[in-house]
């Protein structure tokens, strides 16, 4: 039986653990956070509060606070190794960040995120 493709959240957790073992500062935007088993009204209230506090739909999942040769921060949008596509809002954020001179990437799984991070830190991204 083929092994199931890990969830995006599992891939992101593995990447966060990797960063912690390397003492790399990483922050999650918490956009994909599971809120829990709430009523639609309760869920809407929490989401609206988070939006009022600055949460933006489609913003990249992770911010790596490490300097490379040319950048101060790396943004990574995590996706599963197979499946998962960028939403219009994610595409817009990626475009906006890229055009503003920020380093931004889409990683399909933890291994790809690690490769992106290492290339970024070595000045090859």
C-alpha atoms as a PDB file:
ATOM      1  CA  UNK A   1       0.000   0.000   0.000  1.00  0.00           C
ATOM      2  CA  UNK A   2       1.483   3.402  -0.994  1.00  0.00           C
ATOM      3  CA  UNK A   3       2.429   5.772   1.786  1.00  0.00           C
ATOM      4  CA  UNK A   4       0.031   8.696   2.232  1.00  0.00           C
ATOM      5  CA  UNK A   5       1.283  12.131   1.206  1.00  0.00           C
ATOM      6  CA  UNK A   6       1.944  14.127   4.394  1.00  0.00           C
ATOM      7  CA  UNK A   7      -0.365  17.031   5.107  1.00  0.00           C
ATOM      8  CA  UNK A   8       0.896  20.572   4.594  1.00  0.00           C
ATOM      9  CA  UNK A   9       0.772  21.094   8.362  1.00  0.00           C
ATOM     10  CA  UNK A  10       2.975  18.015   8.910  1.00  0.00           C
ATOM     11  CA  UNK A  11       5.493  19.244   6.339  1.00  0.00           C
ATOM     12  CA  UNK A  12       5.522  22.688   7.955  1.00  0.00           C
ATOM     13  CA  UNK A  13       6.023  21.220  11.442  1.00  0.00           C
ATOM     14  CA  UNK A  14       8.968  19.148  10.178  1.00  0.00           C
ATOM     15  CA  UNK A  15      10.516  22.268   8.625  1.00  0.00           C
ATOM     16  CA  UNK A  16       9.999  24.282  11.824  1.00  0.00           C
ATOM     17  CA  UNK A  17      11.718  21.500  13.787  1.00  0.00           C
ATOM     18  CA  UNK A  18      14.623  21.568  11.316  1.00  0.00           C
ATOM     19  CA  UNK A  19      14.956  25.344  11.745  1.00  0.00           C
ATOM     20  CA  UNK A  20      14.913  25.025  15.527  1.00  0.00           C
ATOM     21  CA  UNK A  21      17.707  22.411  15.467  1.00  0.00           C
ATOM     22  CA  UNK A  22      19.793  24.861  13.368  1.00  0.00           C
ATOM     23  CA  UNK A  23      18.917  27.879  15.573  1.00  0.00           C
ATOM     24  CA  UNK A  24      17.237  29.563  12.620  1.00  0.00           C
ATOM     25  CA  UNK A  25      14.623  32.145  13.537  1.00  0.00           C
ATOM     26  CA  UNK A  26      11.323  31.258  11.890  1.00  0.00           C
ATOM     27  CA  UNK A  27       7.851  32.659  12.464  1.00  0.00           C
ATOM     28  CA  UNK A  28       4.508  31.370  11.244  1.00  0.00           C
ATOM     29  CA  UNK A  29       1.852  33.758   9.986  1.00  0.00           C
ATOM     30  CA  UNK A  30      -0.783  31.369  11.440  1.00  0.00           C
ATOM     31  CA  UNK A  31      -3.046  31.902   8.425  1.00  0.00           C
ATOM     32  CA  UNK A  32      -3.827  28.185   8.186  1.00  0.00           C
ATOM     33  CA  UNK A  33      -4.314  27.684  11.890  1.00  0.00           C
ATOM     34  CA  UNK A  34      -7.039  25.238  12.942  1.00  0.00           C
ATOM     35  CA  UNK A  35      -9.455  27.163  15.123  1.00  0.00           C
ATOM     36  CA  UNK A  36     -11.331  24.198  16.547  1.00  0.00           C
ATOM     37  CA  UNK A  37     -14.837  22.833  16.632  1.00  0.00           C
ATOM     38  CA  UNK A  38     -16.749  26.076  16.910  1.00  0.00           C
ATOM     39  CA  UNK A  39     -20.048  27.286  15.580  1.00  0.00           C
ATOM     40  CA  UNK A  40     -19.840  29.253  12.327  1.00  0.00           C
ATOM     41  CA  UNK A  41     -20.627  32.418  14.263  1.00  0.00           C
ATOM     42  CA  UNK A  42     -17.834  31.802  16.803  1.00  0.00           C
ATOM     43  CA  UNK A  43     -15.392  30.977  14.012  1.00  0.00           C
ATOM     44  CA  UNK A  44     -16.328  34.149  12.083  1.00  0.00           C
ATOM     45  CA  UNK A  45     -15.847  36.254  15.224  1.00  0.00           C
ATOM     46  CA  UNK A  46     -12.327  34.883  15.769  1.00  0.00           C
ATOM     47  CA  UNK A  47     -11.358  35.257  12.093  1.00  0.00           C
ATOM     48  CA  UNK A  48     -12.685  38.827  11.954  1.00  0.00           C
ATOM     49  CA  UNK A  49     -10.752  39.692  15.101  1.00  0.00           C
ATOM     50  CA  UNK A  50      -7.566  38.223  13.606  1.00  0.00           C
ATOM     51  CA  UNK A  51      -8.110  40.198  10.380  1.00  0.00           C
ATOM     52  CA  UNK A  52      -8.630  43.380  12.403  1.00  0.00           C
ATOM     53  CA  UNK A  53      -5.293  42.656  14.090  1.00  0.00           C
ATOM     54  CA  UNK A  54      -3.488  42.344  10.754  1.00  0.00           C
ATOM     55  CA  UNK A  55      -3.938  38.789   9.503  1.00  0.00           C
ATOM     56  CA  UNK A  56      -4.077  38.836   5.701  1.00  0.00           C
ATOM     57  CA  UNK A  57      -5.562  36.061   3.591  1.00  0.00           C
ATOM     58  CA  UNK A  58      -2.960  34.442   1.371  1.00  0.00           C
ATOM     59  CA  UNK A  59       0.105  35.807   3.194  1.00  0.00           C
ATOM     60  CA  UNK A  60       3.008  33.289   3.117  1.00  0.00           C
ATOM     61  CA  UNK A  61       3.052  30.672   5.851  1.00  0.00           C
ATOM     62  CA  UNK A  62       6.565  31.304   7.132  1.00  0.00           C
ATOM     63  CA  UNK A  63       9.012  34.136   7.623  1.00  0.00           C
ATOM     64  CA  UNK A  64      12.664  33.191   8.077  1.00  0.00           C
ATOM     65  CA  UNK A  65      14.446  35.955   9.988  1.00  0.00           C
ATOM     66  CA  UNK A  66      17.975  35.257   8.815  1.00  0.00           C
ATOM     67  CA  UNK A  67      20.194  37.432   6.655  1.00  0.00           C
ATOM     68  CA  UNK A  68      21.546  36.259   3.344  1.00  0.00           C
ATOM     69  CA  UNK A  69      23.999  38.235   1.219  1.00  0.00           C
ATOM     70  CA  UNK A  70      21.218  40.349  -0.269  1.00  0.00           C
ATOM     71  CA  UNK A  71      18.136  39.867   1.914  1.00  0.00           C
ATOM     72  CA  UNK A  72      17.054  40.238   5.516  1.00  0.00           C
ATOM     73  CA  UNK A  73      14.081  37.873   5.395  1.00  0.00           C
ATOM     74  CA  UNK A  74      12.829  34.877   3.438  1.00  0.00           C
ATOM     75  CA  UNK A  75       9.123  34.211   2.987  1.00  0.00           C
ATOM     76  CA  UNK A  76       8.018  30.627   2.311  1.00  0.00           C
ATOM     77  CA  UNK A  77       4.581  29.433   1.274  1.00  0.00           C
ATOM     78  CA  UNK A  78       4.320  25.747   2.209  1.00  0.00           C
ATOM     79  CA  UNK A  79       2.453  23.194   0.116  1.00  0.00           C
ATOM     80  CA  UNK A  80       2.192  19.418   0.177  1.00  0.00           C
ATOM     81  CA  UNK A  81       4.668  17.440  -1.923  1.00  0.00           C
ATOM     82  CA  UNK A  82       1.776  16.402  -4.160  1.00  0.00           C
ATOM     83  CA  UNK A  83      -1.436  18.328  -4.526  1.00  0.00           C
ATOM     84  CA  UNK A  84      -2.260  21.717  -3.163  1.00  0.00           C
ATOM     85  CA  UNK A  85      -2.343  24.800  -5.309  1.00  0.00           C
ATOM     86  CA  UNK A  86      -1.832  28.483  -4.737  1.00  0.00           C
ATOM     87  CA  UNK A  87      -4.939  30.555  -4.136  1.00  0.00           C
ATOM     88  CA  UNK A  88      -5.377  33.838  -6.005  1.00  0.00           C
ATOM     89  CA  UNK A  89      -4.568  35.673  -2.753  1.00  0.00           C
ATOM     90  CA  UNK A  90      -1.360  33.673  -2.294  1.00  0.00           C
ATOM     91  CA  UNK A  91      -0.301  34.398  -5.873  1.00  0.00           C
ATOM     92  CA  UNK A  92      -0.941  38.096  -5.306  1.00  0.00           C
ATOM     93  CA  UNK A  93       1.108  38.176  -2.078  1.00  0.00           C
ATOM     94  CA  UNK A  94       3.989  36.306  -3.746  1.00  0.00           C
ATOM     95  CA  UNK A  95       3.924  38.767  -6.646  1.00  0.00           C
ATOM     96  CA  UNK A  96       3.748  41.789  -4.332  1.00  0.00           C
ATOM     97  CA  UNK A  97       6.602  40.593  -2.122  1.00  0.00           C
ATOM     98  CA  UNK A  98       8.760  39.646  -5.117  1.00  0.00           C
ATOM     99  CA  UNK A  99       8.173  42.974  -6.870  1.00  0.00           C
ATOM    100  CA  UNK A 100       9.031  44.752  -3.604  1.00  0.00           C
ATOM    101  CA  UNK A 101      12.441  43.078  -3.553  1.00  0.00           C
ATOM    102  CA  UNK A 102      11.756  40.441  -0.918  1.00  0.00           C
ATOM    103  CA  UNK A 103      12.889  36.854  -1.265  1.00  0.00           C
ATOM    104  CA  UNK A 104       9.816  34.623  -1.502  1.00  0.00           C
ATOM    105  CA  UNK A 105       9.379  30.988  -2.496  1.00  0.00           C
ATOM    106  CA  UNK A 106       6.865  28.163  -2.635  1.00  0.00           C
ATOM    107  CA  UNK A 107       8.070  24.908  -1.071  1.00  0.00           C
ATOM    108  CA  UNK A 108       6.436  21.591  -1.865  1.00  0.00           C
ATOM    109  CA  UNK A 109       7.262  19.728   1.312  1.00  0.00           C
ATOM    110  CA  UNK A 110       9.852  20.000   4.059  1.00  0.00           C
ATOM    111  CA  UNK A 111      12.773  18.781   1.951  1.00  0.00           C
ATOM    112  CA  UNK A 112      12.182  21.452  -0.679  1.00  0.00           C
ATOM    113  CA  UNK A 113      11.822  24.111   2.043  1.00  0.00           C
ATOM    114  CA  UNK A 114      15.191  23.048   3.488  1.00  0.00           C
ATOM    115  CA  UNK A 115      16.792  23.277   0.030  1.00  0.00           C
ATOM    116  CA  UNK A 116      15.302  26.737  -0.516  1.00  0.00           C
ATOM    117  CA  UNK A 117      16.515  27.862   2.921  1.00  0.00           C
ATOM    118  CA  UNK A 118      20.042  26.552   2.376  1.00  0.00           C
ATOM    119  CA  UNK A 119      20.264  28.176  -1.070  1.00  0.00           C
ATOM    120  CA  UNK A 120      18.982  31.440   0.422  1.00  0.00           C
ATOM    121  CA  UNK A 121      21.533  31.361   3.283  1.00  0.00           C
ATOM    122  CA  UNK A 122      24.356  30.594   0.832  1.00  0.00           C
ATOM    123  CA  UNK A 123      23.373  33.539  -1.371  1.00  0.00           C
ATOM    124  CA  UNK A 124      22.180  31.316  -4.213  1.00  0.00           C
ATOM    125  CA  UNK A 125      18.524  32.269  -4.161  1.00  0.00           C
END
